[in-house]
């Protein structure tokens, strides 16, 4: 059993404390810069979970201005000030709502919104209740990681928590505050790399090599993203979601090309970290089992390992981007847009840029991590060779 050193505990605790301070002060600072965002007037305390107790009626509505389908049902409120109260809801569907919120069945868990208009109360179905199932899914994920990874699994969860917090409470507010996304994104990426590797492996030659290799890969992806978004004169308007961001520009100006840059870096960060740590860890194991290996052999072994990893990780990135853009691809095929238009479209250019930038980030992380690992382990190799000669 590996002994836990006092220095390792001190580094671990210090990393946790520093991460907490960065999360607390960083989120408070960037959240304070976010301007007031216009909303639809929803009030959080007017959302209520309920369970359908009876489907009363369903009928098609001929007047298209009111909707296509009307469903009347009874539901029992599950919590809050109206708990156990049974209410009757008349829900009018249009085509889009039918696809999302129909059919309804007795026993379905739903979310209702309560509105008051001049003493008249109206209940409206806004979603199926999924929070409990999401909680079960997340709990299963966390439990399995801890069961298989033990202490390392726990550390992976902690680092994941800090990573998600940094993205949603530092990077996202920075986007909304229209700050310099290039600097902040690289800063957040640097923090995630160092924090994650130190929590998982401590401050060792392996984590140093993996961190520097990962930084090298991300730097390449960054330079590629900035260069080609400029050369291809990309506006950042890639899909309907981006168009909606343009519509609110007067109230909330956003840097759309900056958002594209953020998506490229964040999308490739996990894969590059995975490759860098895999190579650094493999080379450490190799040196532990083959003490007489030379520095040159370490580098070539790292490159050989990286070739196999590169193929699968590049596929992972590209398939992830294809999967996320599948609805748009289907629409393009259905409406039979000309091939020349697709090739020159900004959407296609952005998808190719994201996939290529991430893949090249992985590609460059391989030699950087291999060379750094060999340099960091060079003294150990020399010492072991001298020990074998004596």
Protein backbone atom coordinates (compact mmCIF):
# COMPACT_ATOMS: atom_id res chain seq x y z
CA UNK A 1 0.00 0.00 0.00
CA UNK A 2 1.37 3.41 -0.96
CA UNK A 3 2.20 5.64 1.99
CA UNK A 4 0.67 9.09 2.08
CA UNK A 5 3.34 11.72 2.61
CA UNK A 6 2.74 14.87 4.66
CA UNK A 7 3.87 17.03 1.72
CA UNK A 8 1.28 15.37 -0.52
CA UNK A 9 -1.47 16.10 2.02
CA UNK A 10 -0.31 19.73 2.32
CA UNK A 11 -0.34 20.17 -1.47
CA UNK A 12 -3.77 18.57 -1.72
CA UNK A 13 -5.28 20.73 1.02
CA UNK A 14 -3.64 23.87 -0.40
CA UNK A 15 -5.04 23.10 -3.86
CA UNK A 16 -8.54 22.63 -2.43
CA UNK A 17 -8.34 25.89 -0.46
CA UNK A 18 -6.95 27.87 -3.41
CA UNK A 19 -9.67 26.44 -5.68
CA UNK A 20 -12.34 27.42 -3.16
CA UNK A 21 -10.96 30.95 -2.97
CA UNK A 22 -10.75 31.24 -6.77
CA UNK A 23 -14.30 29.92 -7.11
CA UNK A 24 -15.70 32.22 -4.43
CA UNK A 25 -13.99 35.50 -5.30
CA UNK A 26 -13.90 34.81 -9.05
CA UNK A 27 -17.60 34.03 -9.25
CA UNK A 28 -18.53 37.02 -7.07
CA UNK A 29 -16.44 39.37 -9.18
CA UNK A 30 -17.58 38.19 -12.61
CA UNK A 31 -21.21 37.76 -11.57
CA UNK A 32 -21.20 41.36 -10.34
CA UNK A 33 -20.23 42.53 -13.85
CA UNK A 34 -23.15 40.80 -15.57
CA UNK A 35 -25.70 43.42 -16.69
CA UNK A 36 -29.38 43.05 -15.92
CA UNK A 37 -30.76 40.62 -18.47
CA UNK A 38 -34.35 41.10 -19.69
CA UNK A 39 -36.53 38.12 -18.82
CA UNK A 40 -40.02 36.94 -19.68
CA UNK A 41 -41.26 37.82 -16.23
CA UNK A 42 -41.15 34.32 -14.76
CA UNK A 43 -41.00 34.06 -10.97
CA UNK A 44 -39.11 31.11 -9.49
CA UNK A 45 -41.59 30.62 -6.65
CA UNK A 46 -44.46 30.16 -9.12
CA UNK A 47 -43.08 26.92 -10.58
CA UNK A 48 -44.69 23.88 -8.93
CA UNK A 49 -44.13 20.16 -9.40
CA UNK A 50 -47.26 18.06 -9.70
CA UNK A 51 -48.48 14.61 -10.67
CA UNK A 52 -51.29 14.02 -13.16
CA UNK A 53 -54.25 12.31 -11.49
CA UNK A 54 -56.71 12.23 -14.40
CA UNK A 55 -56.94 13.04 -18.10
CA UNK A 56 -60.35 14.71 -18.44
CA UNK A 57 -60.58 15.37 -22.19
CA UNK A 58 -58.70 15.91 -25.43
CA UNK A 59 -59.97 17.73 -28.52
CA UNK A 60 -58.62 19.25 -31.71
CA UNK A 61 -59.09 23.01 -32.03
CA UNK A 62 -60.02 24.33 -35.45
CA UNK A 63 -58.93 27.92 -34.74
CA UNK A 64 -55.21 27.93 -35.56
CA UNK A 65 -54.63 31.13 -33.56
CA UNK A 66 -55.37 29.29 -30.34
CA UNK A 67 -53.51 26.07 -31.05
CA UNK A 68 -53.94 22.65 -32.58
CA UNK A 69 -54.90 20.58 -29.55
CA UNK A 70 -56.55 21.16 -26.19
CA UNK A 71 -56.02 18.78 -23.26
CA UNK A 72 -57.83 19.11 -19.95
CA UNK A 73 -56.32 17.22 -17.03
CA UNK A 74 -56.26 17.15 -13.24
CA UNK A 75 -53.04 17.24 -11.26
CA UNK A 76 -52.05 17.12 -7.58
CA UNK A 77 -49.38 19.60 -6.47
CA UNK A 78 -46.42 17.73 -4.94
CA UNK A 79 -44.81 20.44 -2.79
CA UNK A 80 -44.90 24.07 -1.70
CA UNK A 81 -47.80 26.15 -0.37
CA UNK A 82 -50.31 24.33 -2.62
CA UNK A 83 -49.14 20.82 -1.71
CA UNK A 84 -51.82 18.07 -2.00
CA UNK A 85 -54.19 20.47 -3.77
CA UNK A 86 -55.81 19.03 -6.90
CA UNK A 87 -56.23 21.50 -9.74
CA UNK A 88 -57.70 21.36 -13.23
CA UNK A 89 -55.47 22.50 -16.08
CA UNK A 90 -56.54 23.35 -19.61
CA UNK A 91 -53.48 23.06 -21.82
CA UNK A 92 -53.52 24.34 -25.40
CA UNK A 93 -50.80 22.94 -27.66
CA UNK A 94 -49.29 24.23 -30.87
CA UNK A 95 -47.20 22.01 -33.16
CA UNK A 96 -43.94 22.64 -31.30
CA UNK A 97 -45.49 21.98 -27.89
CA UNK A 98 -47.08 18.75 -29.09
CA UNK A 99 -43.61 17.43 -29.91
CA UNK A 100 -42.25 18.41 -26.48
CA UNK A 101 -45.13 17.98 -24.01
CA UNK A 102 -47.48 15.38 -25.47
CA UNK A 103 -48.88 12.83 -24.87
CA UNK A 104 -49.78 13.09 -21.19
CA UNK A 105 -50.57 10.06 -19.07
CA UNK A 106 -51.99 9.53 -15.63
CA UNK A 107 -49.15 9.47 -13.08
CA UNK A 108 -46.78 11.67 -15.11
CA UNK A 109 -44.65 14.04 -13.03
CA UNK A 110 -44.86 17.53 -14.48
CA UNK A 111 -43.93 21.16 -13.78
CA UNK A 112 -46.70 23.78 -13.77
CA UNK A 113 -46.44 27.56 -13.79
CA UNK A 114 -48.97 29.62 -11.85
CA UNK A 115 -50.02 33.02 -13.22
CA UNK A 116 -52.45 35.52 -11.71
CA UNK A 117 -54.38 37.91 -13.98
CA UNK A 118 -56.79 40.28 -12.20
CA UNK A 119 -57.76 37.81 -9.49
CA UNK A 120 -57.91 35.01 -12.08
CA UNK A 121 -55.45 32.14 -11.54
CA UNK A 122 -54.14 30.21 -14.53
CA UNK A 123 -52.01 27.05 -14.41
CA UNK A 124 -49.86 26.14 -17.40
CA UNK A 125 -47.79 23.03 -18.17
CA UNK A 126 -44.19 24.03 -18.92
CA UNK A 127 -42.23 20.77 -18.70
CA UNK A 128 -42.14 17.19 -17.59
CA UNK A 129 -40.43 16.90 -14.18
CA UNK A 130 -37.01 15.38 -14.77
CA UNK A 131 -35.00 16.59 -11.77
CA UNK A 132 -35.42 13.35 -9.78
CA UNK A 133 -34.27 11.20 -12.69
CA UNK A 134 -31.37 13.55 -13.38
CA UNK A 135 -30.40 13.27 -9.71
CA UNK A 136 -30.49 9.46 -9.91
CA UNK A 137 -28.38 9.48 -13.07
CA UNK A 138 -25.78 11.84 -11.55
CA UNK A 139 -25.72 9.86 -8.29
CA UNK A 140 -25.14 6.63 -10.24
CA UNK A 141 -22.31 8.29 -12.15
CA UNK A 142 -20.64 9.54 -8.96
CA UNK A 143 -21.05 6.26 -7.08
CA UNK A 144 -19.56 4.19 -9.91
CA UNK A 145 -16.60 6.57 -10.29
CA UNK A 146 -15.84 6.26 -6.57
CA UNK A 147 -16.32 2.47 -6.59
CA UNK A 148 -13.97 1.95 -9.52
CA UNK A 149 -11.54 4.79 -8.86
CA UNK A 150 -11.59 4.84 -5.03
CA UNK A 151 -9.56 7.84 -3.85
CA UNK A 152 -8.61 8.82 -7.40
CA UNK A 153 -12.26 8.65 -8.35
CA UNK A 154 -13.17 10.95 -5.48
CA UNK A 155 -10.49 13.42 -6.55
CA UNK A 156 -11.79 13.27 -10.12
CA UNK A 157 -15.25 14.23 -8.85
CA UNK A 158 -13.84 17.12 -6.80
CA UNK A 159 -11.87 18.44 -9.78
CA UNK A 160 -14.93 18.04 -11.99
CA UNK A 161 -16.95 20.09 -9.51
CA UNK A 162 -14.42 22.94 -9.55
CA UNK A 163 -14.22 22.73 -13.36
CA UNK A 164 -18.00 22.97 -13.86
CA UNK A 165 -18.17 25.82 -11.34
CA UNK A 166 -15.41 27.73 -13.15
CA UNK A 167 -17.15 27.36 -16.51
CA UNK A 168 -20.65 28.36 -15.33
CA UNK A 169 -19.80 30.96 -12.69
CA UNK A 170 -16.65 32.56 -14.09
CA UNK A 171 -16.46 31.95 -17.84
CA UNK A 172 -20.17 32.31 -18.63
CA UNK A 173 -20.54 35.57 -16.63
CA UNK A 174 -17.42 36.87 -18.42
CA UNK A 175 -19.15 36.18 -21.74
CA UNK A 176 -22.31 37.98 -20.60
CA UNK A 177 -20.24 40.91 -19.31
CA UNK A 178 -18.58 41.17 -22.76
CA UNK A 179 -15.03 41.00 -21.36
CA UNK A 180 -11.85 39.86 -23.14
CA UNK A 181 -12.84 36.25 -23.73
CA UNK A 182 -9.48 35.22 -25.15
CA UNK A 183 -7.53 36.08 -22.01
CA UNK A 184 -10.20 34.86 -19.58
CA UNK A 185 -10.74 31.57 -21.44
CA UNK A 186 -7.03 30.78 -21.42
CA UNK A 187 -6.87 31.73 -17.74
CA UNK A 188 -9.75 29.42 -16.87
CA UNK A 189 -8.23 26.64 -18.99
CA UNK A 190 -4.88 27.06 -17.21
CA UNK A 191 -6.60 26.91 -13.82
CA UNK A 192 -8.56 23.77 -14.78
CA UNK A 193 -5.43 22.01 -16.06
CA UNK A 194 -3.30 22.71 -12.99
CA UNK A 195 -6.09 22.14 -10.46
CA UNK A 196 -7.23 18.86 -12.03
CA UNK A 197 -3.77 17.33 -12.43
CA UNK A 198 -2.60 18.35 -8.95
CA UNK A 199 -5.74 16.97 -7.28
CA UNK A 200 -5.54 13.70 -9.20
CA UNK A 201 -1.76 13.11 -9.15
CA UNK A 202 -0.18 15.66 -6.83
CA UNK A 203 2.88 17.68 -7.82
CA UNK A 204 5.02 15.06 -9.51
CA UNK A 205 7.10 14.83 -12.65
CA UNK A 206 4.21 13.02 -14.29
CA UNK A 207 1.68 15.78 -13.60
CA UNK A 208 4.19 18.51 -14.51
CA UNK A 209 4.85 16.87 -17.89
CA UNK A 210 1.13 16.30 -18.46
CA UNK A 211 0.26 19.89 -17.49
CA UNK A 212 2.88 21.46 -19.75
CA UNK A 213 2.01 19.10 -22.61
CA UNK A 214 -1.65 19.98 -22.23
CA UNK A 215 -0.86 23.70 -22.19
CA UNK A 216 1.13 23.27 -25.39
CA UNK A 217 -1.77 21.51 -27.08
CA UNK A 218 -4.29 24.13 -25.96
CA UNK A 219 -1.96 26.91 -27.14
CA UNK A 220 -1.87 25.36 -30.62
CA UNK A 221 -5.67 25.06 -30.68
CA UNK A 222 -5.93 28.69 -29.55
CA UNK A 223 -3.60 30.03 -32.24
CA UNK A 224 -5.38 27.98 -34.89
CA UNK A 225 -8.81 29.17 -33.76
CA UNK A 226 -7.84 32.86 -33.67
CA UNK A 227 -5.99 32.71 -37.01
CA UNK A 228 -8.69 30.95 -39.01
CA UNK A 229 -11.68 32.81 -37.53
CA UNK A 230 -9.93 35.95 -38.76
CA UNK A 231 -8.87 34.58 -42.16
CA UNK A 232 -12.31 33.11 -42.87
CA UNK A 233 -13.98 36.34 -41.66
CA UNK A 234 -16.33 34.49 -39.38
CA UNK A 235 -19.07 36.51 -37.68
CA UNK A 236 -19.95 33.85 -35.10
CA UNK A 237 -23.54 33.51 -36.32
CA UNK A 238 -23.71 29.77 -36.87
CA UNK A 239 -27.26 28.69 -36.12
CA UNK A 240 -30.65 29.84 -34.86
CA UNK A 241 -29.32 30.01 -31.29
CA UNK A 242 -26.68 32.52 -32.38
CA UNK A 243 -29.34 34.54 -34.24
CA UNK A 244 -31.27 34.90 -30.98
CA UNK A 245 -28.09 36.29 -29.40
CA UNK A 246 -27.96 38.90 -32.17
CA UNK A 247 -31.55 39.95 -31.44
CA UNK A 248 -30.67 40.87 -27.85
CA UNK A 249 -27.50 42.74 -28.86
CA UNK A 250 -28.97 46.14 -27.99
CA UNK A 251 -29.76 45.01 -24.45
CA UNK A 252 -26.82 42.65 -24.03
CA UNK A 253 -23.95 43.07 -26.54
CA UNK A 254 -21.99 39.86 -26.98
CA UNK A 255 -18.80 38.92 -28.82
CA UNK A 256 -20.05 36.08 -31.03
CA UNK A 257 -16.64 35.26 -32.52
CA UNK A 258 -15.32 35.21 -28.95
CA UNK A 259 -18.04 32.74 -28.01
CA UNK A 260 -16.95 30.55 -30.94
CA UNK A 261 -13.37 30.71 -29.62
CA UNK A 262 -14.54 29.72 -26.13
CA UNK A 263 -16.44 26.72 -27.52
CA UNK A 264 -13.33 25.54 -29.41
CA UNK A 265 -11.03 25.76 -26.38
CA UNK A 266 -13.48 24.32 -23.86
CA UNK A 267 -14.56 21.59 -26.28
CA UNK A 268 -10.99 20.41 -26.85
CA UNK A 269 -9.66 20.91 -23.31
CA UNK A 270 -10.90 17.62 -21.86
CA UNK A 271 -9.58 15.53 -24.74
CA UNK A 272 -6.15 17.22 -24.68
CA UNK A 273 -5.91 16.72 -20.90
CA UNK A 274 -6.80 13.06 -21.34
CA UNK A 275 -4.10 12.51 -23.96
CA UNK A 276 -1.41 14.38 -22.03
CA UNK A 277 -2.04 12.50 -18.79
CA UNK A 278 -2.29 9.14 -20.58
CA UNK A 279 1.11 9.60 -22.20
CA UNK A 280 2.80 10.94 -19.06
CA UNK A 281 1.37 8.11 -16.96
CA UNK A 282 2.32 5.46 -19.53
CA UNK A 283 5.89 6.74 -19.73
CA UNK A 284 6.22 6.73 -15.96
CA UNK A 285 5.04 3.11 -15.82
CA UNK A 286 7.45 2.26 -18.63
CA UNK A 287 10.39 3.74 -16.75
CA UNK A 288 9.41 1.98 -13.53
CA UNK A 289 9.39 -1.40 -15.29
CA UNK A 290 12.38 -0.75 -17.61
CA UNK A 291 14.96 1.24 -15.60
CA UNK A 292 17.64 0.92 -18.27
CA UNK A 293 15.60 2.66 -20.97
CA UNK A 294 17.29 5.64 -22.61
CA UNK A 295 15.91 9.16 -22.97
CA UNK A 296 15.67 8.66 -26.73
CA UNK A 297 13.65 5.50 -26.21
CA UNK A 298 11.33 7.29 -23.80
CA UNK A 299 10.54 9.93 -26.44
CA UNK A 300 9.96 7.37 -29.18
CA UNK A 301 7.80 5.27 -26.84
CA UNK A 302 5.70 8.34 -26.02
CA UNK A 303 5.26 9.12 -29.71
CA UNK A 304 4.30 5.50 -30.42
CA UNK A 305 1.73 5.48 -27.60
CA UNK A 306 0.45 8.86 -28.78
CA UNK A 307 -0.18 7.57 -32.32
CA UNK A 308 -2.68 5.01 -31.04
CA UNK A 309 -4.33 7.52 -28.69
CA UNK A 310 -4.48 10.16 -31.41
CA UNK A 311 -6.63 8.05 -33.70
CA UNK A 312 -9.32 7.35 -31.13
CA UNK A 313 -9.31 10.80 -29.52
CA UNK A 314 -9.58 12.58 -32.88
CA UNK A 315 -12.57 10.37 -33.64
CA UNK A 316 -14.01 11.22 -30.21
CA UNK A 317 -13.80 14.95 -30.86
CA UNK A 318 -15.11 14.83 -34.41
CA UNK A 319 -17.96 12.46 -33.55
CA UNK A 320 -18.90 14.66 -30.57
CA UNK A 321 -19.17 17.71 -32.85
CA UNK A 322 -21.12 15.75 -35.46
CA UNK A 323 -23.49 14.46 -32.79
CA UNK A 324 -24.18 17.92 -31.40
CA UNK A 325 -24.80 19.34 -34.87
CA UNK A 326 -26.86 16.42 -36.19
CA UNK A 327 -30.24 18.30 -36.24
CA UNK A 328 -28.71 21.06 -38.37
CA UNK A 329 -27.10 18.53 -40.70
CA UNK A 330 -30.46 16.78 -41.13
CA UNK A 331 -32.18 20.08 -41.97
CA UNK A 332 -29.52 20.82 -44.59
CA UNK A 333 -30.05 17.43 -46.20
CA UNK A 334 -33.86 17.62 -46.02
CA UNK A 335 -33.97 21.03 -47.69
CA UNK A 336 -31.34 19.93 -50.21
CA UNK A 337 -29.08 22.93 -49.97
CA UNK A 338 -26.52 23.10 -52.80
CA UNK A 339 -23.17 21.49 -52.01
CA UNK A 340 -21.30 24.68 -52.90
CA UNK A 341 -23.39 26.64 -50.43
CA UNK A 342 -22.73 24.10 -47.66
CA UNK A 343 -18.98 24.06 -48.30
CA UNK A 344 -18.73 27.84 -48.10
CA UNK A 345 -21.18 28.26 -45.22
CA UNK A 346 -19.97 29.67 -41.90
CA UNK A 347 -21.65 26.84 -40.03
CA UNK A 348 -19.63 24.19 -41.89
CA UNK A 349 -16.45 26.24 -41.50
CA UNK A 350 -17.01 26.50 -37.74
CA UNK A 351 -17.63 22.76 -37.35
CA UNK A 352 -14.48 21.90 -39.32
CA UNK A 353 -12.45 24.48 -37.38
CA UNK A 354 -13.60 23.13 -34.01
CA UNK A 355 -12.81 19.53 -34.97
CA UNK A 356 -9.44 20.32 -36.57
CA UNK A 357 -8.30 22.73 -33.84
CA UNK A 358 -9.10 20.20 -31.12
CA UNK A 359 -7.45 17.36 -33.01
CA UNK A 360 -4.29 19.37 -33.68
CA UNK A 361 -4.25 20.33 -30.01
CA UNK A 362 -4.13 16.61 -29.23
CA UNK A 363 -1.51 16.05 -31.93
CA UNK A 364 0.88 18.65 -30.54
CA UNK A 365 0.29 17.59 -26.93
CA UNK A 366 1.78 14.18 -27.77
CA UNK A 367 5.39 15.21 -28.65
CA UNK A 368 5.44 18.00 -26.04
CA UNK A 369 4.41 15.60 -23.25
CA UNK A 370 6.80 12.90 -24.48
CA UNK A 371 9.81 15.24 -24.66
CA UNK A 372 9.06 16.87 -21.32
CA UNK A 373 8.60 13.49 -19.66
CA UNK A 374 11.96 12.32 -20.99
CA UNK A 375 13.68 15.53 -19.82
CA UNK A 376 12.12 15.36 -16.36
CA UNK A 377 13.00 11.67 -15.96
CA UNK A 378 16.49 12.05 -17.43
CA UNK A 379 18.23 12.28 -14.06
CA UNK A 380 16.42 9.18 -12.84
CA UNK A 381 17.57 7.28 -15.94
CA UNK A 382 21.18 8.33 -15.37
CA UNK A 383 21.06 7.39 -11.70
CA UNK A 384 19.66 3.95 -12.46
CA UNK A 385 22.27 3.31 -15.14
CA UNK A 386 25.04 4.28 -12.71
CA UNK A 387 23.51 2.01 -10.05
CA UNK A 388 23.48 -0.96 -12.43
CA UNK A 389 27.17 -0.43 -13.31
CA UNK A 390 28.30 -0.38 -9.67
